[in-house]
Amino acid sequence: MSVYVGIDVHRKRSQVAVVTEDGKVQLNKNVVNGSEPMLRLIGDLPPGTPVAFEAAFGWGWLAGLLEDYGFEAHLVHPLRCKAIASARLKNDKVDAAILAQLLRADLLPEAWIAPLEVRQLRALLRHRASLVRLGTGLRNRIHAVAADHGYDRSASYWTGPGRGWLAELDLPAASREIVTDCLAVIDGLAPVIERIDGELHARAKADPRVKVLRTLPGVGEFTALMMLAEIGDITRFPSARKLASWAGLTPTVRGSDLKVRHGHISKQGSAWLRWVMNQAAQTAKRSPEFAATYAAIAKRRGKKIATIAIARKLLTRAWHLLAEMPATDATTPPRRP
């Protein structure tokens, strides 16, 4: 008899429910996270048994475990699952059983399970972005301390003369300590970011898709790698519209009878892809290819909406470039949409 497994994953423990093909709950137990405790519950199930779990905090270890032991892993989209199976009674037992029942009924709203290599590239790129954001925050704090005491300079604070200028400022003890500590952390971050940049540069040189994406205005090595890592397999998106919708760059639509209202962008999907496309759009909107379009939209709708529109156009072009790559001769640049 076939069985279906639903796992409600949490940080330290998970709830495991096993449902038979006639819908009867065969098992519903709470277990400590880890390979051995999990296999004690489901390790005796036959290979190919379907297992559903939500894309919650720390699901990567479970996906790897299921793949290694021959289970059929299904990653669940949390928001869509909530829309389908909202219940008045909600606890871990109910959630795990609902996942198994949805899997049995083939009603599971699934998300793509990225291969380990893609997940590792995502982690490295996000780590690098987080370190850069930390450094930016520390620089802003130094600017704030200087401004709080009436100091400023038009040139950079971080070059040799700028560091000398900071050292000569007449600051109270606590403010001086803040500046010194922030500079120390900034200096400590620099070699770490440089090392990561070296790793990413090597990856970029080995991936021909990076070279193709860099033909887009505003897209450099880091942006191209981030796009590839977040998008993953381009064939899972049948159209550029689907990709833009997944990235959260399409407007929400509310319609009733003959009335249709388009709202703000949905902001669902990968926040990192949406962020990096907006960063690329800041440069692309000044390029000859997009300047006129940006100016026309900005005049009608404002600069923010115009920038989002350019980000979506960039992502649309990226889809066409990536989708055409397998059918394009290596010596011939892919056609731009």
C-alpha atoms as a PDB file:
ATOM      1  CA  MET A   1       0.000   0.000   0.000  1.00  0.00           C
ATOM      2  CA  SER A   2       1.326   3.427  -0.945  1.00  0.00           C
ATOM      3  CA  VAL A   3       1.836   6.034   1.766  1.00  0.00           C
ATOM      4  CA  TYR A   4       2.358   9.787   1.740  1.00  0.00           C
ATOM      5  CA  VAL A   5       4.486  11.724   4.225  1.00  0.00           C
ATOM      6  CA  GLY A   6       4.006  15.308   5.412  1.00  0.00           C
ATOM      7  CA  ILE A   7       6.660  17.002   7.558  1.00  0.00           C
ATOM      8  CA  ASP A   8       6.089  20.284   9.393  1.00  0.00           C
ATOM      9  CA  VAL A   9       9.680  21.509   9.737  1.00  0.00           C
ATOM     10  CA  HIS A  10      10.830  23.740  12.601  1.00  0.00           C
ATOM     11  CA  ARG A  11      14.203  24.896  13.856  1.00  0.00           C
ATOM     12  CA  LYS A  12      14.760  22.197  16.494  1.00  0.00           C
ATOM     13  CA  ARG A  13      11.971  19.669  16.017  1.00  0.00           C
ATOM     14  CA  SER A  14       9.648  18.525  13.239  1.00  0.00           C
ATOM     15  CA  GLN A  15       6.247  16.866  13.075  1.00  0.00           C
ATOM     16  CA  VAL A  16       6.027  13.828  10.806  1.00  0.00           C
ATOM     17  CA  ALA A  17       2.702  12.469   9.521  1.00  0.00           C
ATOM     18  CA  VAL A  18       2.267   9.347   7.390  1.00  0.00           C
ATOM     19  CA  VAL A  19      -1.020   8.917   5.510  1.00  0.00           C
ATOM     20  CA  THR A  20      -2.161   5.832   3.610  1.00  0.00           C
ATOM     21  CA  GLU A  21      -3.602   5.977   0.096  1.00  0.00           C
ATOM     22  CA  ASP A  22      -7.152   5.783   1.505  1.00  0.00           C
ATOM     23  CA  GLY A  23      -6.524   8.881   3.659  1.00  0.00           C
ATOM     24  CA  LYS A  24      -6.014   7.208   7.037  1.00  0.00           C
ATOM     25  CA  VAL A  25      -3.365   8.768   9.289  1.00  0.00           C
ATOM     26  CA  GLN A  26      -0.969   5.939  10.047  1.00  0.00           C
ATOM     27  CA  LEU A  27       1.591   7.936  12.053  1.00  0.00           C
ATOM     28  CA  ASN A  28       1.842  11.455  13.466  1.00  0.00           C
ATOM     29  CA  LYS A  29       4.834  12.011  15.725  1.00  0.00           C
ATOM     30  CA  ASN A  30       7.131  14.818  16.808  1.00  0.00           C
ATOM     31  CA  VAL A  31      10.851  14.210  16.357  1.00  0.00           C
ATOM     32  CA  VAL A  32      14.123  16.020  17.037  1.00  0.00           C
ATOM     33  CA  ASN A  33      15.715  17.326  13.857  1.00  0.00           C
ATOM     34  CA  GLY A  34      18.560  15.213  12.514  1.00  0.00           C
ATOM     35  CA  SER A  35      19.231  12.353  10.137  1.00  0.00           C
ATOM     36  CA  GLU A  36      19.050   9.492  12.629  1.00  0.00           C
ATOM     37  CA  PRO A  37      15.811  10.508  14.422  1.00  0.00           C
ATOM     38  CA  MET A  38      14.113  11.201  11.084  1.00  0.00           C
ATOM     39  CA  LEU A  39      15.205   7.897   9.556  1.00  0.00           C
ATOM     40  CA  ARG A  40      13.959   6.000  12.600  1.00  0.00           C
ATOM     41  CA  LEU A  41      10.471   7.171  11.655  1.00  0.00           C
ATOM     42  CA  ILE A  42      10.494   6.984   7.856  1.00  0.00           C
ATOM     43  CA  GLY A  43      13.645   4.995   7.032  1.00  0.00           C
ATOM     44  CA  ASP A  44      11.705   1.746   6.551  1.00  0.00           C
ATOM     45  CA  LEU A  45       9.376   3.247   3.945  1.00  0.00           C
ATOM     46  CA  PRO A  46      10.003   2.068   0.373  1.00  0.00           C
ATOM     47  CA  PRO A  47      12.233   4.132  -1.970  1.00  0.00           C
ATOM     48  CA  GLY A  48      10.280   6.640  -4.018  1.00  0.00           C
ATOM     49  CA  THR A  49       7.832   7.395  -1.192  1.00  0.00           C
ATOM     50  CA  PRO A  50       6.616  10.992  -1.702  1.00  0.00           C
ATOM     51  CA  VAL A  51       7.453  13.378   1.148  1.00  0.00           C
ATOM     52  CA  ALA A  52       6.122  16.961   1.409  1.00  0.00           C
ATOM     53  CA  PHE A  53       7.614  19.709   3.562  1.00  0.00           C
ATOM     54  CA  GLU A  54       7.246  23.473   3.616  1.00  0.00           C
ATOM     55  CA  ALA A  55       9.931  25.943   2.547  1.00  0.00           C
ATOM     56  CA  ALA A  56      10.455  26.967   6.170  1.00  0.00           C
ATOM     57  CA  PHE A  57      13.574  27.956   8.124  1.00  0.00           C
ATOM     58  CA  GLY A  58      16.376  25.409   7.688  1.00  0.00           C
ATOM     59  CA  TRP A  59      14.848  22.955   5.208  1.00  0.00           C
ATOM     60  CA  GLY A  60      18.052  22.269   3.264  1.00  0.00           C
ATOM     61  CA  TRP A  61      19.273  19.398   5.450  1.00  0.00           C
ATOM     62  CA  LEU A  62      15.933  17.615   5.063  1.00  0.00           C
ATOM     63  CA  ALA A  63      15.928  17.949   1.281  1.00  0.00           C
ATOM     64  CA  GLY A  64      19.429  16.495   1.115  1.00  0.00           C
ATOM     65  CA  LEU A  65      18.506  13.621   3.442  1.00  0.00           C
ATOM     66  CA  LEU A  66      15.417  12.697   1.425  1.00  0.00           C
ATOM     67  CA  GLU A  67      17.305  12.778  -1.863  1.00  0.00           C
ATOM     68  CA  ASP A  68      20.174  10.684  -0.466  1.00  0.00           C
ATOM     69  CA  TYR A  69      17.807   7.949   0.743  1.00  0.00           C
ATOM     70  CA  GLY A  70      15.717   7.805  -2.423  1.00  0.00           C
ATOM     71  CA  PHE A  71      12.558   9.566  -1.259  1.00  0.00           C
ATOM     72  CA  GLU A  72      10.531  11.725  -3.650  1.00  0.00           C
ATOM     73  CA  ALA A  73      10.923  15.187  -2.118  1.00  0.00           C
ATOM     74  CA  HIS A  74       8.233  17.856  -2.601  1.00  0.00           C
ATOM     75  CA  LEU A  75       8.927  21.408  -1.401  1.00  0.00           C
ATOM     76  CA  VAL A  76       5.684  23.217  -0.561  1.00  0.00           C
ATOM     77  CA  HIS A  77       4.955  26.877  -1.284  1.00  0.00           C
ATOM     78  CA  PRO A  78       3.855  28.157   2.185  1.00  0.00           C
ATOM     79  CA  LEU A  79       1.565  31.005   1.074  1.00  0.00           C
ATOM     80  CA  ARG A  80      -0.268  28.974  -1.550  1.00  0.00           C
ATOM     81  CA  CYS A  81      -0.603  26.035   0.815  1.00  0.00           C
ATOM     82  CA  LYS A  82      -2.165  28.332   3.400  1.00  0.00           C
ATOM     83  CA  ALA A  83      -4.664  29.565   0.815  1.00  0.00           C
ATOM     84  CA  ILE A  84      -5.676  26.023  -0.102  1.00  0.00           C
ATOM     85  CA  ALA A  85      -5.752  24.412   3.331  1.00  0.00           C
ATOM     86  CA  SER A  86      -6.488  27.073   5.932  1.00  0.00           C
ATOM     87  CA  ALA A  87      -7.993  25.465   9.037  1.00  0.00           C
ATOM     88  CA  ARG A  88      -9.633  26.759  12.193  1.00  0.00           C
ATOM     89  CA  LEU A  89      -7.651  24.276  14.279  1.00  0.00           C
ATOM     90  CA  LYS A  90      -3.958  24.818  13.617  1.00  0.00           C
ATOM     91  CA  ASN A  91      -1.099  22.985  15.266  1.00  0.00           C
ATOM     92  CA  ASP A  92       1.903  20.942  14.156  1.00  0.00           C
ATOM     93  CA  LYS A  93      -0.037  17.669  13.992  1.00  0.00           C
ATOM     94  CA  VAL A  94      -2.738  19.199  11.837  1.00  0.00           C
ATOM     95  CA  ASP A  95      -0.215  20.936   9.566  1.00  0.00           C
ATOM     96  CA  ALA A  96       1.811  17.764   8.968  1.00  0.00           C
ATOM     97  CA  ALA A  97      -1.318  15.732   8.245  1.00  0.00           C
ATOM     98  CA  ILE A  98      -2.649  18.396   5.853  1.00  0.00           C
ATOM     99  CA  LEU A  99       0.622  18.324   3.890  1.00  0.00           C
ATOM    100  CA  ALA A 100       0.368  14.551   3.544  1.00  0.00           C
ATOM    101  CA  GLN A 101      -3.312  14.724   2.531  1.00  0.00           C
ATOM    102  CA  LEU A 102      -2.659  17.423  -0.082  1.00  0.00           C
ATOM    103  CA  LEU A 103       0.173  15.317  -1.448  1.00  0.00           C
ATOM    104  CA  ARG A 104      -2.131  12.274  -1.623  1.00  0.00           C
ATOM    105  CA  ALA A 105      -4.803  14.287  -3.458  1.00  0.00           C
ATOM    106  CA  ASP A 106      -2.246  15.846  -5.844  1.00  0.00           C
ATOM    107  CA  LEU A 107      -3.237  19.348  -4.680  1.00  0.00           C
ATOM    108  CA  LEU A 108       0.151  20.345  -3.341  1.00  0.00           C
ATOM    109  CA  PRO A 109       1.369  23.819  -4.417  1.00  0.00           C
ATOM    110  CA  GLU A 110       5.026  23.028  -5.005  1.00  0.00           C
ATOM    111  CA  ALA A 111       8.163  25.141  -5.133  1.00  0.00           C
ATOM    112  CA  TRP A 112      11.341  24.248  -7.001  1.00  0.00           C
ATOM    113  CA  ILE A 113      14.052  22.459  -5.027  1.00  0.00           C
ATOM    114  CA  ALA A 114      17.292  23.986  -6.250  1.00  0.00           C
ATOM    115  CA  PRO A 115      20.257  21.589  -6.587  1.00  0.00           C
ATOM    116  CA  LEU A 116      22.878  21.758  -3.848  1.00  0.00           C
ATOM    117  CA  GLU A 117      25.342  23.588  -6.117  1.00  0.00           C
ATOM    118  CA  VAL A 118      22.795  26.326  -6.813  1.00  0.00           C
ATOM    119  CA  ARG A 119      21.896  26.623  -3.120  1.00  0.00           C
ATOM    120  CA  GLN A 120      25.579  26.969  -2.250  1.00  0.00           C
ATOM    121  CA  LEU A 121      26.086  29.697  -4.870  1.00  0.00           C
ATOM    122  CA  ARG A 122      23.026  31.513  -3.522  1.00  0.00           C
ATOM    123  CA  ALA A 123      24.440  31.307   0.006  1.00  0.00           C
ATOM    124  CA  LEU A 124      27.820  32.708  -1.071  1.00  0.00           C
ATOM    125  CA  LEU A 125      26.289  35.582  -3.035  1.00  0.00           C
ATOM    126  CA  ARG A 126      23.889  36.486  -0.232  1.00  0.00           C
ATOM    127  CA  HIS A 127      26.741  36.310   2.273  1.00  0.00           C
ATOM    128  CA  ARG A 128      28.778  38.715   0.178  1.00  0.00           C
ATOM    129  CA  ALA A 129      25.833  41.097  -0.163  1.00  0.00           C
ATOM    130  CA  SER A 130      25.261  40.992   3.611  1.00  0.00           C
ATOM    131  CA  LEU A 131      28.899  41.829   4.310  1.00  0.00           C
ATOM    132  CA  VAL A 132      28.782  44.769   1.891  1.00  0.00           C
ATOM    133  CA  ARG A 133      25.579  46.013   3.559  1.00  0.00           C
ATOM    134  CA  LEU A 134      27.279  45.749   6.953  1.00  0.00           C
ATOM    135  CA  GLY A 135      30.197  47.841   5.708  1.00  0.00           C
ATOM    136  CA  THR A 136      27.807  50.420   4.235  1.00  0.00           C
ATOM    137  CA  GLY A 137      25.976  50.667   7.559  1.00  0.00           C
ATOM    138  CA  LEU A 138      29.234  51.260   9.408  1.00  0.00           C
ATOM    139  CA  ARG A 139      30.281  53.983   6.959  1.00  0.00           C
ATOM    140  CA  ASN A 140      26.913  55.660   7.388  1.00  0.00           C
ATOM    141  CA  ARG A 141      27.391  55.560  11.170  1.00  0.00           C
ATOM    142  CA  ILE A 142      30.750  57.330  10.842  1.00  0.00           C
ATOM    143  CA  HIS A 143      29.134  59.972   8.618  1.00  0.00           C
ATOM    144  CA  ALA A 144      26.420  60.415  11.261  1.00  0.00           C
ATOM    145  CA  VAL A 145      28.951  60.830  14.086  1.00  0.00           C
ATOM    146  CA  ALA A 146      30.897  63.437  12.124  1.00  0.00           C
ATOM    147  CA  ALA A 147      27.728  65.325  11.182  1.00  0.00           C
ATOM    148  CA  ASP A 148      26.515  65.220  14.783  1.00  0.00           C
ATOM    149  CA  HIS A 149      29.576  67.271  15.752  1.00  0.00           C
ATOM    150  CA  GLY A 150      29.407  69.627  12.782  1.00  0.00           C
ATOM    151  CA  TYR A 151      32.114  68.035  10.631  1.00  0.00           C
ATOM    152  CA  ASP A 152      31.971  67.141   6.940  1.00  0.00           C
ATOM    153  CA  ARG A 153      34.198  67.017   3.883  1.00  0.00           C
ATOM    154  CA  SER A 154      33.313  66.859   0.204  1.00  0.00           C
ATOM    155  CA  ALA A 155      35.988  64.281  -0.578  1.00  0.00           C
ATOM    156  CA  SER A 156      35.968  60.632   0.502  1.00  0.00           C
ATOM    157  CA  TYR A 157      36.324  59.687   4.147  1.00  0.00           C
ATOM    158  CA  TRP A 158      37.967  56.342   3.338  1.00  0.00           C
ATOM    159  CA  THR A 159      41.104  57.279   1.355  1.00  0.00           C
ATOM    160  CA  GLY A 160      44.417  58.140   2.993  1.00  0.00           C
ATOM    161  CA  PRO A 161      43.627  61.866   3.352  1.00  0.00           C
ATOM    162  CA  GLY A 162      40.115  61.034   4.503  1.00  0.00           C
ATOM    163  CA  ARG A 163      41.364  58.683   7.221  1.00  0.00           C
ATOM    164  CA  GLY A 164      43.820  61.371   8.319  1.00  0.00           C
ATOM    165  CA  TRP A 165      40.994  63.906   8.485  1.00  0.00           C
ATOM    166  CA  LEU A 166      38.918  61.544  10.635  1.00  0.00           C
ATOM    167  CA  ALA A 167      41.851  60.977  13.000  1.00  0.00           C
ATOM    168  CA  GLU A 168      42.283  64.734  13.528  1.00  0.00           C
ATOM    169  CA  LEU A 169      38.643  65.450  14.393  1.00  0.00           C
ATOM    170  CA  ASP A 170      38.047  66.807  17.894  1.00  0.00           C
ATOM    171  CA  LEU A 171      35.523  64.270  19.141  1.00  0.00           C
ATOM    172  CA  PRO A 172      34.345  63.257  22.613  1.00  0.00           C
ATOM    173  CA  ALA A 173      35.684  59.946  23.934  1.00  0.00           C
ATOM    174  CA  ALA A 174      32.576  57.854  23.132  1.00  0.00           C
ATOM    175  CA  SER A 175      32.255  59.271  19.615  1.00  0.00           C
ATOM    176  CA  ARG A 176      35.955  58.671  18.949  1.00  0.00           C
ATOM    177  CA  GLU A 177      35.541  55.089  20.145  1.00  0.00           C
ATOM    178  CA  ILE A 178      32.606  54.556  17.766  1.00  0.00           C
ATOM    179  CA  VAL A 179      34.601  55.868  14.786  1.00  0.00           C
ATOM    180  CA  THR A 180      37.657  53.771  15.680  1.00  0.00           C
ATOM    181  CA  ASP A 181      35.616  50.592  16.133  1.00  0.00           C
ATOM    182  CA  CYS A 182      33.687  51.113  12.905  1.00  0.00           C
ATOM    183  CA  LEU A 183      36.905  51.657  10.944  1.00  0.00           C
ATOM    184  CA  ALA A 184      38.392  48.511  12.462  1.00  0.00           C
ATOM    185  CA  VAL A 185      35.419  46.404  11.378  1.00  0.00           C
ATOM    186  CA  ILE A 186      35.438  47.992   7.894  1.00  0.00           C
ATOM    187  CA  ASP A 187      39.137  47.142   7.537  1.00  0.00           C
ATOM    188  CA  GLY A 188      38.427  43.597   8.724  1.00  0.00           C
ATOM    189  CA  LEU A 189      35.648  43.143   6.170  1.00  0.00           C
ATOM    190  CA  ALA A 190      37.767  44.265   3.208  1.00  0.00           C
ATOM    191  CA  PRO A 191      39.976  41.136   2.852  1.00  0.00           C
ATOM    192  CA  VAL A 192      36.980  38.831   3.422  1.00  0.00           C
ATOM    193  CA  ILE A 193      34.965  40.512   0.659  1.00  0.00           C
ATOM    194  CA  GLU A 194      38.034  40.485  -1.596  1.00  0.00           C
ATOM    195  CA  ARG A 195      38.454  36.731  -1.083  1.00  0.00           C
ATOM    196  CA  ILE A 196      34.785  36.082  -1.879  1.00  0.00           C
ATOM    197  CA  ASP A 197      35.043  38.305  -4.963  1.00  0.00           C
ATOM    198  CA  GLY A 198      37.924  36.140  -6.166  1.00  0.00           C
ATOM    199  CA  GLU A 199      35.821  32.987  -5.801  1.00  0.00           C
ATOM    200  CA  LEU A 200      32.885  34.589  -7.596  1.00  0.00           C
ATOM    201  CA  HIS A 201      35.116  35.874 -10.401  1.00  0.00           C
ATOM    202  CA  ALA A 202      36.397  32.332 -11.003  1.00  0.00           C
ATOM    203  CA  ARG A 203      32.827  31.020 -11.137  1.00  0.00           C
ATOM    204  CA  ALA A 204      31.802  33.798 -13.515  1.00  0.00           C
ATOM    205  CA  LYS A 205      34.636  33.054 -15.943  1.00  0.00           C
ATOM    206  CA  ALA A 206      33.640  29.386 -16.048  1.00  0.00           C
ATOM    207  CA  ASP A 207      29.970  30.072 -16.807  1.00  0.00           C
ATOM    208  CA  PRO A 208      29.176  31.237 -20.373  1.00  0.00           C
ATOM    209  CA  ARG A 209      25.761  32.476 -19.245  1.00  0.00           C
ATOM    210  CA  VAL A 210      27.455  35.246 -17.259  1.00  0.00           C
ATOM    211  CA  LYS A 211      29.066  36.612 -20.422  1.00  0.00           C
ATOM    212  CA  VAL A 212      25.683  36.627 -22.157  1.00  0.00           C
ATOM    213  CA  LEU A 213      23.915  38.410 -19.311  1.00  0.00           C
ATOM    214  CA  ARG A 214      26.647  41.032 -19.067  1.00  0.00           C
ATOM    215  CA  THR A 215      25.596  42.343 -22.475  1.00  0.00           C
ATOM    216  CA  LEU A 216      22.613  43.864 -20.661  1.00  0.00           C
ATOM    217  CA  PRO A 217      23.124  47.440 -19.426  1.00  0.00           C
ATOM    218  CA  GLY A 218      23.694  47.647 -15.677  1.00  0.00           C
ATOM    219  CA  VAL A 219      24.562  43.949 -15.331  1.00  0.00           C
ATOM    220  CA  GLY A 220      28.025  43.079 -14.070  1.00  0.00           C
ATOM    221  CA  GLU A 221      29.564  39.841 -12.832  1.00  0.00           C
ATOM    222  CA  PHE A 222      27.946  39.888  -9.399  1.00  0.00           C
ATOM    223  CA  THR A 223      24.514  40.818 -10.781  1.00  0.00           C
ATOM    224  CA  ALA A 224      24.707  38.117 -13.454  1.00  0.00           C
ATOM    225  CA  LEU A 225      25.693  35.452 -10.927  1.00  0.00           C
ATOM    226  CA  MET A 226      22.925  36.531  -8.562  1.00  0.00           C
ATOM    227  CA  MET A 227      20.392  36.321 -11.395  1.00  0.00           C
ATOM    228  CA  LEU A 228      21.559  32.838 -12.365  1.00  0.00           C
ATOM    229  CA  ALA A 229      21.604  31.571  -8.786  1.00  0.00           C
ATOM    230  CA  GLU A 230      18.144  32.889  -7.948  1.00  0.00           C
ATOM    231  CA  ILE A 231      16.511  31.905 -11.247  1.00  0.00           C
ATOM    232  CA  GLY A 232      18.152  28.495 -11.445  1.00  0.00           C
ATOM    233  CA  ASP A 233      16.895  26.404 -14.346  1.00  0.00           C
ATOM    234  CA  ILE A 234      15.457  28.865 -16.868  1.00  0.00           C
ATOM    235  CA  THR A 235      13.331  26.131 -18.486  1.00  0.00           C
ATOM    236  CA  ARG A 236      11.023  26.055 -15.463  1.00  0.00           C
ATOM    237  CA  PHE A 237       9.651  29.412 -16.657  1.00  0.00           C
ATOM    238  CA  PRO A 238       7.691  28.960 -19.920  1.00  0.00           C
ATOM    239  CA  SER A 239       7.680  32.705 -20.608  1.00  0.00           C
ATOM    240  CA  ALA A 240       9.318  35.958 -19.562  1.00  0.00           C
ATOM    241  CA  ARG A 241       5.996  37.010 -18.014  1.00  0.00           C
ATOM    242  CA  LYS A 242       6.089  33.969 -15.727  1.00  0.00           C
ATOM    243  CA  LEU A 243       9.629  34.830 -14.612  1.00  0.00           C
ATOM    244  CA  ALA A 244       8.717  38.459 -13.910  1.00  0.00           C
ATOM    245  CA  SER A 245       5.683  37.316 -11.928  1.00  0.00           C
ATOM    246  CA  TRP A 246       7.803  34.867  -9.909  1.00  0.00           C
ATOM    247  CA  ALA A 247      10.264  37.671  -9.154  1.00  0.00           C
ATOM    248  CA  GLY A 248       7.446  39.833  -7.801  1.00  0.00           C
ATOM    249  CA  LEU A 249       7.919  42.524 -10.454  1.00  0.00           C
ATOM    250  CA  THR A 250       4.375  42.373 -11.832  1.00  0.00           C
ATOM    251  CA  PRO A 251       1.443  44.386 -10.434  1.00  0.00           C
ATOM    252  CA  THR A 252      -1.257  42.814  -8.322  1.00  0.00           C
ATOM    253  CA  VAL A 253      -4.647  42.593 -10.032  1.00  0.00           C
ATOM    254  CA  ARG A 254      -8.021  42.802  -8.307  1.00  0.00           C
ATOM    255  CA  GLY A 255     -11.064  42.394 -10.505  1.00  0.00           C
ATOM    256  CA  SER A 256     -14.783  42.131  -9.945  1.00  0.00           C
ATOM    257  CA  ASP A 257     -17.409  42.114 -12.686  1.00  0.00           C
ATOM    258  CA  LEU A 258     -16.214  44.704 -15.231  1.00  0.00           C
ATOM    259  CA  LYS A 259     -13.891  46.540 -12.863  1.00  0.00           C
ATOM    260  CA  VAL A 260     -10.184  45.713 -12.798  1.00  0.00           C
ATOM    261  CA  ARG A 261      -7.694  47.442 -10.539  1.00  0.00           C
ATOM    262  CA  HIS A 262      -3.929  47.097 -10.920  1.00  0.00           C
ATOM    263  CA  GLY A 263      -2.051  47.722  -7.683  1.00  0.00           C
ATOM    264  CA  HIS A 264       1.569  47.756  -6.566  1.00  0.00           C
ATOM    265  CA  ILE A 265       3.988  44.977  -7.498  1.00  0.00           C
ATOM    266  CA  SER A 266       3.328  41.738  -5.641  1.00  0.00           C
ATOM    267  CA  LYS A 267       6.800  41.483  -4.039  1.00  0.00           C
ATOM    268  CA  GLN A 268       6.442  37.715  -3.908  1.00  0.00           C
ATOM    269  CA  GLY A 269       9.142  35.312  -4.990  1.00  0.00           C
ATOM    270  CA  SER A 270      12.856  35.947  -4.588  1.00  0.00           C
ATOM    271  CA  ALA A 271      13.535  39.197  -2.749  1.00  0.00           C
ATOM    272  CA  TRP A 272      17.209  38.886  -3.688  1.00  0.00           C
ATOM    273  CA  LEU A 273      16.450  38.714  -7.424  1.00  0.00           C
ATOM    274  CA  ARG A 274      14.081  41.657  -7.126  1.00  0.00           C
ATOM    275  CA  TRP A 275      16.761  43.648  -5.258  1.00  0.00           C
ATOM    276  CA  VAL A 276      19.532  42.924  -7.741  1.00  0.00           C
ATOM    277  CA  MET A 277      17.294  43.757 -10.720  1.00  0.00           C
ATOM    278  CA  ASN A 278      16.419  47.097  -9.120  1.00  0.00           C
ATOM    279  CA  GLN A 279      20.133  47.772  -8.598  1.00  0.00           C
ATOM    280  CA  ALA A 280      20.820  47.016 -12.261  1.00  0.00           C
ATOM    281  CA  ALA A 281      17.893  49.219 -13.299  1.00  0.00           C
ATOM    282  CA  GLN A 282      19.461  52.215 -11.522  1.00  0.00           C
ATOM    283  CA  THR A 283      22.246  52.093 -14.122  1.00  0.00           C
ATOM    284  CA  ALA A 284      20.235  50.777 -17.063  1.00  0.00           C
ATOM    285  CA  LYS A 285      17.700  53.597 -16.906  1.00  0.00           C
ATOM    286  CA  ARG A 286      20.446  56.024 -17.928  1.00  0.00           C
ATOM    287  CA  SER A 287      21.609  53.894 -20.880  1.00  0.00           C
ATOM    288  CA  PRO A 288      20.588  54.805 -24.459  1.00  0.00           C
ATOM    289  CA  GLU A 289      18.473  51.648 -24.697  1.00  0.00           C
ATOM    290  CA  PHE A 290      16.205  52.503 -21.777  1.00  0.00           C
ATOM    291  CA  ALA A 291      16.584  56.254 -21.176  1.00  0.00           C
ATOM    292  CA  ALA A 292      13.609  57.274 -23.361  1.00  0.00           C
ATOM    293  CA  THR A 293      11.363  54.566 -21.918  1.00  0.00           C
ATOM    294  CA  TYR A 294      12.328  55.502 -18.383  1.00  0.00           C
ATOM    295  CA  ALA A 295      11.707  59.215 -19.003  1.00  0.00           C
ATOM    296  CA  ALA A 296       8.272  58.562 -20.536  1.00  0.00           C
ATOM    297  CA  ILE A 297       7.115  56.330 -17.668  1.00  0.00           C
ATOM    298  CA  ALA A 298       8.611  58.609 -15.016  1.00  0.00           C
ATOM    299  CA  LYS A 299       6.681  61.561 -16.443  1.00  0.00           C
ATOM    300  CA  ARG A 300       3.381  59.685 -16.229  1.00  0.00           C
ATOM    301  CA  ARG A 301       3.825  57.475 -13.143  1.00  0.00           C
ATOM    302  CA  GLY A 302       6.839  58.729 -11.202  1.00  0.00           C
ATOM    303  CA  LYS A 303      10.480  57.699 -10.915  1.00  0.00           C
ATOM    304  CA  LYS A 304       9.989  54.706  -8.601  1.00  0.00           C
ATOM    305  CA  ILE A 305       7.468  52.998 -10.863  1.00  0.00           C
ATOM    306  CA  ALA A 306       9.629  53.820 -13.889  1.00  0.00           C
ATOM    307  CA  THR A 307      12.650  52.147 -12.258  1.00  0.00           C
ATOM    308  CA  ILE A 308      10.582  49.029 -11.497  1.00  0.00           C
ATOM    309  CA  ALA A 309       9.456  48.989 -15.139  1.00  0.00           C
ATOM    310  CA  ILE A 310      13.075  49.047 -16.320  1.00  0.00           C
ATOM    311  CA  ALA A 311      13.935  46.246 -13.877  1.00  0.00           C
ATOM    312  CA  ARG A 312      11.167  44.118 -15.384  1.00  0.00           C
ATOM    313  CA  LYS A 313      12.323  44.893 -18.931  1.00  0.00           C
ATOM    314  CA  LEU A 314      15.850  43.836 -17.971  1.00  0.00           C
ATOM    315  CA  LEU A 315      14.555  40.575 -16.522  1.00  0.00           C
ATOM    316  CA  THR A 316      12.466  39.978 -19.652  1.00  0.00           C
ATOM    317  CA  ARG A 317      15.538  40.391 -21.842  1.00  0.00           C
ATOM    318  CA  ALA A 318      17.498  38.113 -19.528  1.00  0.00           C
ATOM    319  CA  TRP A 319      14.858  35.382 -19.961  1.00  0.00           C
ATOM    320  CA  HIS A 320      15.099  35.596 -23.746  1.00  0.00           C
ATOM    321  CA  LEU A 321      18.905  35.531 -23.673  1.00  0.00           C
ATOM    322  CA  LEU A 322      19.040  32.513 -21.369  1.00  0.00           C
ATOM    323  CA  ALA A 323      16.215  30.660 -23.105  1.00  0.00           C
ATOM    324  CA  GLU A 324      17.897  31.050 -26.477  1.00  0.00           C
ATOM    325  CA  MET A 325      21.343  29.907 -25.338  1.00  0.00           C
ATOM    326  CA  PRO A 326      20.993  26.138 -26.021  1.00  0.00           C
ATOM    327  CA  ALA A 327      19.793  26.815 -29.584  1.00  0.00           C
ATOM    328  CA  THR A 328      22.338  29.562 -30.268  1.00  0.00           C
ATOM    329  CA  ASP A 329      25.693  28.926 -31.859  1.00  0.00           C
ATOM    330  CA  ALA A 330      28.547  29.774 -29.500  1.00  0.00           C
ATOM    331  CA  THR A 331      30.114  32.097 -32.079  1.00  0.00           C
ATOM    332  CA  THR A 332      26.926  34.043 -32.670  1.00  0.00           C
ATOM    333  CA  PRO A 333      25.675  36.491 -30.015  1.00  0.00           C
ATOM    334  CA  PRO A 334      22.097  35.676 -28.945  1.00  0.00           C
ATOM    335  CA  ARG A 335      19.417  37.835 -30.509  1.00  0.00           C
ATOM    336  CA  ARG A 336      18.085  40.571 -28.270  1.00  0.00           C
ATOM    337  CA  PRO A 337      14.319  40.596 -27.782  1.00  0.00           C
END
